[in-house]
């Protein structure tokens, strides 16, 4: 492993062995990674992840556990958090930068100050990210969003609505900047 220190090379070898034991179709899953309800996660071929990622399939208000589907050749970087109480789907060929948050749910607002946040319900609506999308650093993609194929989301955007194929998106809240040919 040219260009890496000896210790980092050992770390990568350990991650590769771990990947082939627990995430068979994936190319490389860097540790540490936190998964919840792994049976509801599916990875395509050549999936790679950075360190400190969280991939969580959580129960909705009816006790049904969400699903996360990741296509072929998807690369996510460090500290990406994907949470699903229904369905999060990421198409093949997507690139996701560091510190990205993708969720198909959020909590309802409590009736009184005395209500515990954990006792409130969930608003749940699936998230779909099309093939070959590029998600920039520090992006939040929230419930109900569908991104078409080839969308580019600029760093720091908060995506609360859907966008068609080949759209460049940026801002808080995110809006279309231009369309690609």
C-alpha atoms as a PDB file:
ATOM      1  CA  UNK A   1       0.000   0.000   0.000  1.00  0.00           C
ATOM      2  CA  UNK A   2       2.190   2.710  -1.361  1.00  0.00           C
ATOM      3  CA  UNK A   3       2.020   6.106   0.370  1.00  0.00           C
ATOM      4  CA  UNK A   4       0.559   4.835   3.656  1.00  0.00           C
ATOM      5  CA  UNK A   5       2.414   4.378   6.929  1.00  0.00           C
ATOM      6  CA  UNK A   6       2.972   0.839   8.166  1.00  0.00           C
ATOM      7  CA  UNK A   7       0.405   1.237  10.955  1.00  0.00           C
ATOM      8  CA  UNK A   8      -2.226   2.685   8.629  1.00  0.00           C
ATOM      9  CA  UNK A   9      -1.573  -0.168   6.185  1.00  0.00           C
ATOM     10  CA  UNK A  10      -2.237  -2.666   9.011  1.00  0.00           C
ATOM     11  CA  UNK A  11      -5.442  -0.763   9.877  1.00  0.00           C
ATOM     12  CA  UNK A  12      -6.620  -0.920   6.235  1.00  0.00           C
ATOM     13  CA  UNK A  13      -5.845  -4.649   6.084  1.00  0.00           C
ATOM     14  CA  UNK A  14      -7.894  -5.208   9.247  1.00  0.00           C
ATOM     15  CA  UNK A  15     -10.775  -3.161   7.759  1.00  0.00           C
ATOM     16  CA  UNK A  16     -10.612  -5.197   4.551  1.00  0.00           C
ATOM     17  CA  UNK A  17     -10.823  -8.488   6.488  1.00  0.00           C
ATOM     18  CA  UNK A  18     -13.710  -7.074   8.544  1.00  0.00           C
ATOM     19  CA  UNK A  19     -15.489  -5.971   5.350  1.00  0.00           C
ATOM     20  CA  UNK A  20     -15.212  -9.387   3.713  1.00  0.00           C
ATOM     21  CA  UNK A  21     -16.511 -11.095   6.879  1.00  0.00           C
ATOM     22  CA  UNK A  22     -19.490  -8.844   7.619  1.00  0.00           C
ATOM     23  CA  UNK A  23     -20.264  -6.762   4.491  1.00  0.00           C
ATOM     24  CA  UNK A  24     -19.450  -9.240   1.739  1.00  0.00           C
ATOM     25  CA  UNK A  25     -20.406  -7.276  -1.409  1.00  0.00           C
ATOM     26  CA  UNK A  26     -18.735  -4.080  -0.161  1.00  0.00           C
ATOM     27  CA  UNK A  27     -15.242  -3.048  -1.245  1.00  0.00           C
ATOM     28  CA  UNK A  28     -14.058  -1.465   2.024  1.00  0.00           C
ATOM     29  CA  UNK A  29     -15.846  -0.485   5.237  1.00  0.00           C
ATOM     30  CA  UNK A  30     -13.550   1.573   7.441  1.00  0.00           C
ATOM     31  CA  UNK A  31     -13.889   1.152  11.179  1.00  0.00           C
ATOM     32  CA  UNK A  32     -15.370   2.229  13.428  1.00  0.00           C
ATOM     33  CA  UNK A  33     -18.841   1.952  11.891  1.00  0.00           C
ATOM     34  CA  UNK A  34     -22.097   1.821  13.799  1.00  0.00           C
ATOM     35  CA  UNK A  35     -25.000  -0.103  12.338  1.00  0.00           C
ATOM     36  CA  UNK A  36     -28.422  -0.729  13.836  1.00  0.00           C
ATOM     37  CA  UNK A  37     -30.654  -3.556  12.555  1.00  0.00           C
ATOM     38  CA  UNK A  38     -28.091  -4.660   9.980  1.00  0.00           C
ATOM     39  CA  UNK A  39     -30.516  -7.179   8.461  1.00  0.00           C
ATOM     40  CA  UNK A  40     -32.435  -4.194   7.031  1.00  0.00           C
ATOM     41  CA  UNK A  41     -29.326  -2.747   5.351  1.00  0.00           C
ATOM     42  CA  UNK A  42     -28.370  -3.781   1.833  1.00  0.00           C
ATOM     43  CA  UNK A  43     -25.133  -2.778   0.121  1.00  0.00           C
ATOM     44  CA  UNK A  44     -24.273  -2.968  -3.562  1.00  0.00           C
ATOM     45  CA  UNK A  45     -20.979  -4.150  -4.979  1.00  0.00           C
ATOM     46  CA  UNK A  46     -17.900  -1.995  -4.356  1.00  0.00           C
ATOM     47  CA  UNK A  47     -19.481   0.086  -1.566  1.00  0.00           C
ATOM     48  CA  UNK A  48     -16.900   2.012   0.473  1.00  0.00           C
ATOM     49  CA  UNK A  49     -17.315   3.971   3.680  1.00  0.00           C
ATOM     50  CA  UNK A  50     -15.229   6.326   5.723  1.00  0.00           C
ATOM     51  CA  UNK A  51     -14.720   6.153   9.475  1.00  0.00           C
ATOM     52  CA  UNK A  52     -17.313   6.914  12.170  1.00  0.00           C
ATOM     53  CA  UNK A  53     -20.376   6.331   9.966  1.00  0.00           C
ATOM     54  CA  UNK A  54     -23.798   5.509  11.427  1.00  0.00           C
ATOM     55  CA  UNK A  55     -26.287   3.488   9.385  1.00  0.00           C
ATOM     56  CA  UNK A  56     -29.438   3.019  11.434  1.00  0.00           C
ATOM     57  CA  UNK A  57     -32.718   1.291  10.643  1.00  0.00           C
ATOM     58  CA  UNK A  58     -35.071   2.301  13.455  1.00  0.00           C
ATOM     59  CA  UNK A  59     -38.666   1.332  14.262  1.00  0.00           C
ATOM     60  CA  UNK A  60     -41.501   3.688  13.323  1.00  0.00           C
ATOM     61  CA  UNK A  61     -44.579   4.331  15.502  1.00  0.00           C
ATOM     62  CA  UNK A  62     -46.065   0.984  14.398  1.00  0.00           C
ATOM     63  CA  UNK A  63     -42.931  -0.986  15.286  1.00  0.00           C
ATOM     64  CA  UNK A  64     -41.946  -1.581  11.631  1.00  0.00           C
ATOM     65  CA  UNK A  65     -38.205  -1.218  11.096  1.00  0.00           C
ATOM     66  CA  UNK A  66     -36.932   0.999   8.286  1.00  0.00           C
ATOM     67  CA  UNK A  67     -34.691  -0.096   5.404  1.00  0.00           C
ATOM     68  CA  UNK A  68     -31.559   1.386   3.861  1.00  0.00           C
ATOM     69  CA  UNK A  69     -30.654   0.331   0.318  1.00  0.00           C
ATOM     70  CA  UNK A  70     -27.309   1.399  -1.138  1.00  0.00           C
ATOM     71  CA  UNK A  71     -26.491   0.722  -4.808  1.00  0.00           C
ATOM     72  CA  UNK A  72     -23.272  -0.365  -6.525  1.00  0.00           C
ATOM     73  CA  UNK A  73     -20.128   1.806  -6.504  1.00  0.00           C
ATOM     74  CA  UNK A  74     -21.380   4.138  -3.776  1.00  0.00           C
ATOM     75  CA  UNK A  75     -18.736   5.901  -1.718  1.00  0.00           C
ATOM     76  CA  UNK A  76     -19.547   7.632   1.561  1.00  0.00           C
ATOM     77  CA  UNK A  77     -16.924   9.543   3.501  1.00  0.00           C
ATOM     78  CA  UNK A  78     -16.309  10.036   7.227  1.00  0.00           C
ATOM     79  CA  UNK A  79     -19.055  10.764   9.784  1.00  0.00           C
ATOM     80  CA  UNK A  80     -22.054  10.124   7.523  1.00  0.00           C
ATOM     81  CA  UNK A  81     -25.291   9.392   9.408  1.00  0.00           C
ATOM     82  CA  UNK A  82     -28.132   7.688   7.545  1.00  0.00           C
ATOM     83  CA  UNK A  83     -31.285   6.962   9.577  1.00  0.00           C
ATOM     84  CA  UNK A  84     -34.399   5.188   8.305  1.00  0.00           C
ATOM     85  CA  UNK A  85     -37.769   4.500   9.911  1.00  0.00           C
ATOM     86  CA  UNK A  86     -39.303   3.752   6.494  1.00  0.00           C
ATOM     87  CA  UNK A  87     -37.012   3.704   3.455  1.00  0.00           C
ATOM     88  CA  UNK A  88     -33.802   5.423   2.373  1.00  0.00           C
ATOM     89  CA  UNK A  89     -32.545   4.446  -1.071  1.00  0.00           C
ATOM     90  CA  UNK A  90     -29.229   5.612  -2.547  1.00  0.00           C
ATOM     91  CA  UNK A  91     -28.650   4.897  -6.235  1.00  0.00           C
ATOM     92  CA  UNK A  92     -25.534   3.421  -7.796  1.00  0.00           C
ATOM     93  CA  UNK A  93     -22.504   5.628  -8.410  1.00  0.00           C
ATOM     94  CA  UNK A  94     -23.273   8.221  -5.717  1.00  0.00           C
ATOM     95  CA  UNK A  95     -20.516  10.114  -3.919  1.00  0.00           C
ATOM     96  CA  UNK A  96     -21.310  11.382  -0.422  1.00  0.00           C
ATOM     97  CA  UNK A  97     -18.853  13.711   1.346  1.00  0.00           C
ATOM     98  CA  UNK A  98     -18.160  13.923   5.099  1.00  0.00           C
ATOM     99  CA  UNK A  99     -20.597  15.015   7.821  1.00  0.00           C
ATOM    100  CA  UNK A 100     -23.728  14.296   5.770  1.00  0.00           C
ATOM    101  CA  UNK A 101     -27.055  13.513   7.475  1.00  0.00           C
ATOM    102  CA  UNK A 102     -29.831  11.703   5.602  1.00  0.00           C
ATOM    103  CA  UNK A 103     -33.099  10.823   7.352  1.00  0.00           C
ATOM    104  CA  UNK A 104     -36.595   9.795   6.307  1.00  0.00           C
ATOM    105  CA  UNK A 105     -38.190  10.889   9.587  1.00  0.00           C
ATOM    106  CA  UNK A 106     -38.346  13.537  12.268  1.00  0.00           C
ATOM    107  CA  UNK A 107     -40.121  13.835  15.593  1.00  0.00           C
ATOM    108  CA  UNK A 108     -43.442  15.499  16.245  1.00  0.00           C
ATOM    109  CA  UNK A 109     -43.481  18.531  18.512  1.00  0.00           C
ATOM    110  CA  UNK A 110     -44.519  17.702  22.100  1.00  0.00           C
ATOM    111  CA  UNK A 111     -47.820  19.075  23.405  1.00  0.00           C
ATOM    112  CA  UNK A 112     -46.320  20.361  26.658  1.00  0.00           C
ATOM    113  CA  UNK A 113     -42.886  21.075  28.083  1.00  0.00           C
ATOM    114  CA  UNK A 114     -43.316  18.083  30.400  1.00  0.00           C
ATOM    115  CA  UNK A 115     -43.624  15.589  27.491  1.00  0.00           C
ATOM    116  CA  UNK A 116     -40.458  13.597  26.940  1.00  0.00           C
ATOM    117  CA  UNK A 117     -39.039  13.892  23.420  1.00  0.00           C
ATOM    118  CA  UNK A 118     -38.814  10.093  23.228  1.00  0.00           C
ATOM    119  CA  UNK A 119     -42.584   9.807  23.819  1.00  0.00           C
ATOM    120  CA  UNK A 120     -43.503  11.905  20.778  1.00  0.00           C
ATOM    121  CA  UNK A 121     -44.373  10.275  17.469  1.00  0.00           C
ATOM    122  CA  UNK A 122     -42.528  10.321  14.153  1.00  0.00           C
ATOM    123  CA  UNK A 123     -43.271  11.975  10.827  1.00  0.00           C
ATOM    124  CA  UNK A 124     -42.032   9.445   8.267  1.00  0.00           C
ATOM    125  CA  UNK A 125     -41.634   9.866   4.488  1.00  0.00           C
ATOM    126  CA  UNK A 126     -39.194   7.922   2.284  1.00  0.00           C
ATOM    127  CA  UNK A 127     -36.004   9.419   0.828  1.00  0.00           C
ATOM    128  CA  UNK A 128     -34.734   8.471  -2.636  1.00  0.00           C
ATOM    129  CA  UNK A 129     -31.395   9.604  -4.045  1.00  0.00           C
ATOM    130  CA  UNK A 130     -30.975   8.824  -7.748  1.00  0.00           C
ATOM    131  CA  UNK A 131     -27.977   7.321  -9.508  1.00  0.00           C
ATOM    132  CA  UNK A 132     -24.707   9.259  -9.856  1.00  0.00           C
ATOM    133  CA  UNK A 133     -25.566  12.033  -7.402  1.00  0.00           C
ATOM    134  CA  UNK A 134     -22.849  14.015  -5.692  1.00  0.00           C
ATOM    135  CA  UNK A 135     -23.624  15.163  -2.150  1.00  0.00           C
ATOM    136  CA  UNK A 136     -21.274  17.837  -0.755  1.00  0.00           C
ATOM    137  CA  UNK A 137     -19.897  18.199   2.762  1.00  0.00           C
ATOM    138  CA  UNK A 138     -22.197  19.041   5.722  1.00  0.00           C
ATOM    139  CA  UNK A 139     -25.414  18.448   3.743  1.00  0.00           C
ATOM    140  CA  UNK A 140     -28.703  17.514   5.444  1.00  0.00           C
ATOM    141  CA  UNK A 141     -31.282  15.609   3.391  1.00  0.00           C
ATOM    142  CA  UNK A 142     -34.595  15.426   5.208  1.00  0.00           C
ATOM    143  CA  UNK A 143     -37.757  13.322   4.972  1.00  0.00           C
ATOM    144  CA  UNK A 144     -39.732  13.113   1.739  1.00  0.00           C
ATOM    145  CA  UNK A 145     -36.894  14.191  -0.567  1.00  0.00           C
ATOM    146  CA  UNK A 146     -36.342  12.619  -3.973  1.00  0.00           C
ATOM    147  CA  UNK A 147     -33.230  13.647  -5.895  1.00  0.00           C
ATOM    148  CA  UNK A 148     -33.188  12.711  -9.570  1.00  0.00           C
ATOM    149  CA  UNK A 149     -30.228  11.152 -11.370  1.00  0.00           C
ATOM    150  CA  UNK A 150     -27.021  13.177 -11.514  1.00  0.00           C
ATOM    151  CA  UNK A 151     -27.978  15.859  -8.978  1.00  0.00           C
ATOM    152  CA  UNK A 152     -25.195  17.831  -7.311  1.00  0.00           C
ATOM    153  CA  UNK A 153     -25.864  19.160  -3.801  1.00  0.00           C
ATOM    154  CA  UNK A 154     -23.563  21.977  -2.662  1.00  0.00           C
ATOM    155  CA  UNK A 155     -21.829  21.938   0.707  1.00  0.00           C
ATOM    156  CA  UNK A 156     -23.907  22.947   3.697  1.00  0.00           C
ATOM    157  CA  UNK A 157     -27.270  22.649   1.927  1.00  0.00           C
ATOM    158  CA  UNK A 158     -30.405  21.635   3.808  1.00  0.00           C
ATOM    159  CA  UNK A 159     -32.560  19.721   1.317  1.00  0.00           C
ATOM    160  CA  UNK A 160     -36.257  19.743   2.276  1.00  0.00           C
ATOM    161  CA  UNK A 161     -37.889  19.291  -1.142  1.00  0.00           C
ATOM    162  CA  UNK A 162     -37.416  17.136  -4.240  1.00  0.00           C
ATOM    163  CA  UNK A 163     -35.477  18.038  -7.401  1.00  0.00           C
ATOM    164  CA  UNK A 164     -35.451  16.611 -10.954  1.00  0.00           C
ATOM    165  CA  UNK A 165     -32.553  14.894 -12.760  1.00  0.00           C
ATOM    166  CA  UNK A 166     -29.256  16.767 -13.244  1.00  0.00           C
ATOM    167  CA  UNK A 167     -30.018  19.728 -10.987  1.00  0.00           C
ATOM    168  CA  UNK A 168     -27.372  21.682  -9.094  1.00  0.00           C
ATOM    169  CA  UNK A 169     -28.751  22.446  -5.625  1.00  0.00           C
ATOM    170  CA  UNK A 170     -27.448  24.743  -2.855  1.00  0.00           C
ATOM    171  CA  UNK A 171     -28.561  26.868   0.070  1.00  0.00           C
ATOM    172  CA  UNK A 172     -30.581  26.778   3.264  1.00  0.00           C
ATOM    173  CA  UNK A 173     -33.211  25.738   2.441  1.00  0.00           C
ATOM    174  CA  UNK A 174     -31.838  24.211  -0.745  1.00  0.00           C
ATOM    175  CA  UNK A 175     -32.976  25.556  -4.098  1.00  0.00           C
ATOM    176  CA  UNK A 176     -32.106  24.797  -7.702  1.00  0.00           C
ATOM    177  CA  UNK A 177     -29.128  26.818  -8.944  1.00  0.00           C
ATOM    178  CA  UNK A 178     -29.070  25.467 -12.483  1.00  0.00           C
ATOM    179  CA  UNK A 179     -29.637  22.377 -14.610  1.00  0.00           C
ATOM    180  CA  UNK A 180     -26.907  20.272 -16.168  1.00  0.00           C
ATOM    181  CA  UNK A 181     -27.069  19.056 -19.769  1.00  0.00           C
END
